Amino acid sequence: MKKVGVIGLGNIGFEVASKLIAAGFTVIGYSPSPKDELVQQGLAWADSVETLCEATDTIIHCLPSASVLESVVTKELTSVKPGQIVVDISSYDLQDKENAAQRLAVSGVVMLDCEVSGLPSMLSNGTATIFQSGDKAAVDSLEEIFTAISHKCFYLGEFGTATTMKLFANAMVAVHNLMGAEILNLAARSDVDPEAVFDILKNSAGGSTTFSNKAPIMLSREF
């Protein structure tokens, strides 16, 4: 089994690491603060980005911002090895991903532009979708890693198309969230039980994954 490094263990990174551990991969993680629950699951903790890079074959970025990406890549460049693959599944401007990929390429490292479409809970239960783009041979070589995270993986072509697809998906999510909120509010104002509306609509032609996941939050009023 390949040794996989996960840099960034927030909501998404936590689930990615957990899925890989469950699939039998040796997973080495790094984050600003330790994640004891993952360590208990079998995660090996790295004390720095550099240490993680030296110990792994494949590196997955789950980062919160482009500025963090720039900082991480600067540290990676001191310790990565030619032939390593970096999978960036974070969401930020495509230009920032392209800049990072170009910097890593100088050291013989291939970076893939990938995105996760779905909530952390969807990653946990296997219903999230992964968009893949970049070097096809690199993507194919990591098939076991990708399918351990989710069986819903789609290769979209040249570097950057995964980020573009994530924008499309987010636009659809925004529309479903908006209409779901409006319908539940309209139901309450019309003296129709919003809970009943949700239970019926989620099983109808008007239902969606977004509505099923977000409507219970709207109904609870606990945002």
Protein backbone atom coordinates (compact mmCIF):
# COMPACT_ATOMS: atom_id res chain seq x y z
CA MET A 1 0.00 0.00 0.00
CA LYS A 2 1.19 3.50 -0.83
CA LYS A 3 1.97 5.93 1.94
CA VAL A 4 -0.38 8.88 1.67
CA GLY A 5 0.15 12.26 3.28
CA VAL A 6 -2.78 14.52 4.08
CA ILE A 7 -1.96 18.17 4.74
CA GLY A 8 -4.88 19.95 6.39
CA LEU A 9 -7.17 17.96 8.66
CA GLY A 10 -10.20 20.21 8.88
CA ASN A 11 -13.71 19.00 8.07
CA ILE A 12 -12.86 17.63 4.62
CA GLY A 13 -9.31 16.57 5.37
CA PHE A 14 -10.45 14.68 8.47
CA GLU A 15 -12.89 12.60 6.44
CA VAL A 16 -10.37 12.00 3.65
CA ALA A 17 -7.78 10.73 6.11
CA SER A 18 -10.34 8.61 7.93
CA LYS A 19 -11.51 6.93 4.72
CA LEU A 20 -7.94 6.17 3.64
CA ILE A 21 -7.07 4.69 7.04
CA ALA A 22 -10.18 2.50 6.90
CA ALA A 23 -9.12 1.30 3.43
CA GLY A 24 -5.79 0.12 4.79
CA PHE A 25 -3.47 2.88 3.58
CA THR A 26 -0.61 4.13 5.70
CA VAL A 27 -1.71 7.72 6.28
CA ILE A 28 0.56 10.45 7.59
CA GLY A 29 -1.12 13.70 8.53
CA TYR A 30 -0.13 17.25 9.26
CA SER A 31 -2.27 20.12 10.52
CA PRO A 32 -1.63 23.13 12.76
CA SER A 33 -3.27 21.27 15.63
CA PRO A 34 -3.14 17.50 16.33
CA LYS A 35 -6.20 15.36 15.65
CA ASP A 36 -6.26 12.77 18.42
CA GLU A 37 -9.29 10.97 17.02
CA LEU A 38 -7.46 10.28 13.75
CA VAL A 39 -4.36 9.16 15.62
CA GLN A 40 -6.54 6.68 17.49
CA GLN A 41 -7.80 5.42 14.12
CA GLY A 42 -4.22 4.81 12.99
CA LEU A 43 -2.98 8.11 11.57
CA ALA A 44 0.75 8.70 11.85
CA TRP A 45 1.40 12.29 12.90
CA ALA A 46 4.04 14.41 11.13
CA ASP A 47 5.56 17.33 13.00
CA SER A 48 6.04 19.36 9.81
CA VAL A 49 5.14 19.55 6.12
CA GLU A 50 8.74 18.67 5.28
CA THR A 51 8.68 15.50 7.39
CA LEU A 52 5.41 14.44 5.79
CA CYS A 53 6.78 14.90 2.26
CA GLU A 54 9.87 12.85 3.02
CA ALA A 55 7.78 9.94 4.34
CA THR A 56 5.05 9.69 1.68
CA ASP A 57 4.50 8.74 -1.95
CA THR A 58 1.38 10.82 -2.55
CA ILE A 59 0.37 14.09 -0.90
CA ILE A 60 -3.19 15.39 -0.60
CA HIS A 61 -3.88 19.06 0.08
CA CYS A 62 -7.05 19.93 2.03
CA LEU A 63 -6.29 23.59 2.66
CA PRO A 64 -8.42 26.58 3.68
CA SER A 65 -6.97 29.31 1.47
CA ALA A 66 -4.59 30.23 -1.34
CA SER A 67 -2.21 31.91 1.12
CA VAL A 68 -1.90 28.64 3.05
CA LEU A 69 -1.33 26.80 -0.24
CA GLU A 70 1.55 29.13 -1.10
CA SER A 71 3.12 28.57 2.31
CA VAL A 72 2.72 24.79 2.12
CA VAL A 73 4.22 24.58 -1.37
CA THR A 74 7.22 26.65 -0.26
CA LYS A 75 7.86 24.07 2.48
CA GLU A 76 7.20 21.13 0.15
CA LEU A 77 9.82 22.35 -2.31
CA THR A 78 12.53 21.71 0.27
CA SER A 79 11.66 18.04 0.69
CA VAL A 80 9.59 16.62 -2.21
CA LYS A 81 11.08 14.01 -4.53
CA PRO A 82 10.80 13.74 -8.33
CA GLY A 83 7.86 11.50 -9.23
CA GLN A 84 5.71 12.36 -6.25
CA ILE A 85 2.12 13.37 -6.94
CA VAL A 86 0.26 16.14 -5.14
CA VAL A 87 -3.54 16.02 -5.21
CA ASP A 88 -5.04 19.40 -4.36
CA ILE A 89 -8.72 19.03 -3.45
CA SER A 90 -9.05 22.50 -1.94
CA SER A 91 -11.16 25.30 -3.40
CA TYR A 92 -9.61 28.61 -4.38
CA ASP A 93 -8.89 30.62 -7.52
CA LEU A 94 -7.62 28.47 -10.38
CA GLN A 95 -4.66 30.78 -10.95
CA ASP A 96 -3.41 29.97 -7.46
CA LYS A 97 -3.57 26.25 -8.23
CA GLU A 98 -1.79 26.76 -11.54
CA ASN A 99 0.99 28.75 -9.85
CA ALA A 100 1.46 26.00 -7.27
CA ALA A 101 1.53 23.31 -9.96
CA GLN A 102 4.19 25.21 -11.92
CA ARG A 103 6.37 25.64 -8.83
CA LEU A 104 6.15 21.93 -7.97
CA ALA A 105 6.80 20.87 -11.57
CA VAL A 106 10.29 22.40 -11.36
CA SER A 107 11.07 19.71 -8.76
CA GLY A 108 9.59 16.93 -10.89
CA VAL A 109 6.34 16.76 -8.93
CA VAL A 110 2.97 16.42 -10.67
CA MET A 111 0.08 18.31 -9.09
CA LEU A 112 -3.53 17.43 -9.91
CA ASP A 113 -6.46 19.82 -9.71
CA CYS A 114 -9.27 17.96 -7.94
CA GLU A 115 -12.37 19.03 -6.05
CA VAL A 116 -14.84 17.44 -3.66
CA SER A 117 -18.51 18.15 -4.23
CA GLY A 118 -20.41 17.38 -1.06
CA LEU A 119 -20.54 17.92 2.67
CA PRO A 120 -18.12 16.22 5.08
CA SER A 121 -20.98 13.93 6.08
CA MET A 122 -21.34 12.91 2.43
CA LEU A 123 -17.65 12.01 2.30
CA SER A 124 -18.14 9.95 5.43
CA ASN A 125 -21.07 7.97 4.00
CA GLY A 126 -19.59 7.65 0.51
CA THR A 127 -21.99 9.88 -1.42
CA ALA A 128 -19.66 12.82 -2.15
CA THR A 129 -18.33 13.28 -5.69
CA ILE A 130 -14.71 13.86 -6.67
CA PHE A 131 -13.85 15.87 -9.79
CA GLN A 132 -10.40 15.07 -11.22
CA SER A 133 -8.30 17.01 -13.73
CA GLY A 134 -4.70 17.14 -14.85
CA ASP A 135 -2.22 14.47 -15.94
CA LYS A 136 -4.32 11.40 -16.83
CA ALA A 137 -1.54 8.91 -16.13
CA ALA A 138 -1.10 10.40 -12.65
CA VAL A 139 -4.84 10.22 -12.00
CA ASP A 140 -4.96 6.59 -13.15
CA SER A 141 -2.01 5.66 -10.94
CA LEU A 142 -3.96 6.87 -7.89
CA GLU A 143 -7.20 5.01 -8.67
CA GLU A 144 -7.08 3.01 -5.42
CA ILE A 145 -6.66 6.18 -3.40
CA PHE A 146 -9.48 8.02 -5.13
CA THR A 147 -11.92 5.10 -4.88
CA ALA A 148 -11.08 4.67 -1.20
CA ILE A 149 -12.29 8.24 -0.69
CA SER A 150 -15.34 7.96 -2.98
CA HIS A 151 -16.61 5.66 -5.70
CA LYS A 152 -18.09 8.67 -7.49
CA CYS A 153 -15.01 9.98 -9.29
CA PHE A 154 -15.06 11.76 -12.64
CA TYR A 155 -12.04 12.62 -14.79
CA LEU A 156 -12.72 15.86 -16.65
CA GLY A 157 -9.57 16.53 -18.68
CA GLU A 158 -6.86 19.15 -18.55
CA PHE A 159 -5.72 20.82 -15.34
CA GLY A 160 -8.30 23.33 -14.10
CA THR A 161 -11.48 21.68 -15.34
CA ALA A 162 -12.19 20.23 -11.89
CA THR A 163 -12.18 23.72 -10.39
CA THR A 164 -14.51 24.90 -13.17
CA MET A 165 -16.87 21.99 -12.53
CA LYS A 166 -16.90 22.80 -8.80
CA LEU A 167 -18.10 26.32 -9.67
CA PHE A 168 -20.92 24.81 -11.75
CA ALA A 169 -21.87 22.47 -8.90
CA ASN A 170 -21.80 25.28 -6.34
CA ALA A 171 -24.08 27.39 -8.51
CA MET A 172 -26.59 24.53 -8.59
CA VAL A 173 -26.31 24.07 -4.82
CA ALA A 174 -26.98 27.78 -4.28
CA VAL A 175 -30.16 27.61 -6.36
CA HIS A 176 -31.42 24.53 -4.50
CA ASN A 177 -30.66 26.14 -1.13
CA LEU A 178 -32.47 29.32 -2.07
CA MET A 179 -35.56 27.58 -3.41
CA GLY A 180 -35.65 25.11 -0.52
CA ALA A 181 -35.62 27.96 2.00
CA GLU A 182 -38.31 29.84 0.10
CA ILE A 183 -40.58 26.80 -0.12
CA LEU A 184 -40.27 25.96 3.58
CA ASN A 185 -40.96 29.59 4.48
CA LEU A 186 -43.94 29.67 2.12
CA ALA A 187 -45.29 26.47 3.69
CA ALA A 188 -45.14 28.00 7.18
CA ARG A 189 -46.88 31.17 5.99
CA SER A 190 -49.55 29.05 4.28
CA ASP A 191 -50.25 27.03 7.44
CA VAL A 192 -48.86 23.89 5.83
CA ASP A 193 -46.57 21.83 8.05
CA PRO A 194 -43.00 22.50 6.80
CA GLU A 195 -41.84 19.13 8.15
CA ALA A 196 -44.47 17.38 6.04
CA VAL A 197 -43.50 19.47 3.01
CA PHE A 198 -39.90 18.39 3.44
CA ASP A 199 -40.76 14.70 3.87
CA ILE A 200 -42.87 14.73 0.72
CA LEU A 201 -40.73 16.92 -1.54
CA LYS A 202 -37.47 15.10 -0.81
CA ASN A 203 -39.07 11.98 -2.34
CA SER A 204 -40.60 13.80 -5.29
CA ALA A 205 -39.33 15.04 -8.66
CA GLY A 206 -38.60 18.36 -6.94
CA GLY A 207 -36.24 16.85 -4.41
CA SER A 208 -32.45 16.99 -4.55
CA THR A 209 -29.40 15.93 -2.56
CA THR A 210 -28.91 19.53 -1.46
CA PHE A 211 -32.52 19.85 -0.29
CA SER A 212 -32.31 16.56 1.60
CA ASN A 213 -29.12 17.64 3.38
CA LYS A 214 -29.88 21.30 4.06
CA ALA A 215 -33.65 21.38 4.72
CA PRO A 216 -33.32 19.69 8.14
CA ILE A 217 -30.91 22.47 9.16
CA MET A 218 -33.36 25.10 7.94
CA LEU A 219 -36.19 23.42 9.83
CA SER A 220 -34.19 23.23 13.05
CA ARG A 221 -33.21 26.92 12.80
CA GLU A 222 -29.79 25.90 14.14
CA PHE A 223 -27.41 27.36 11.59
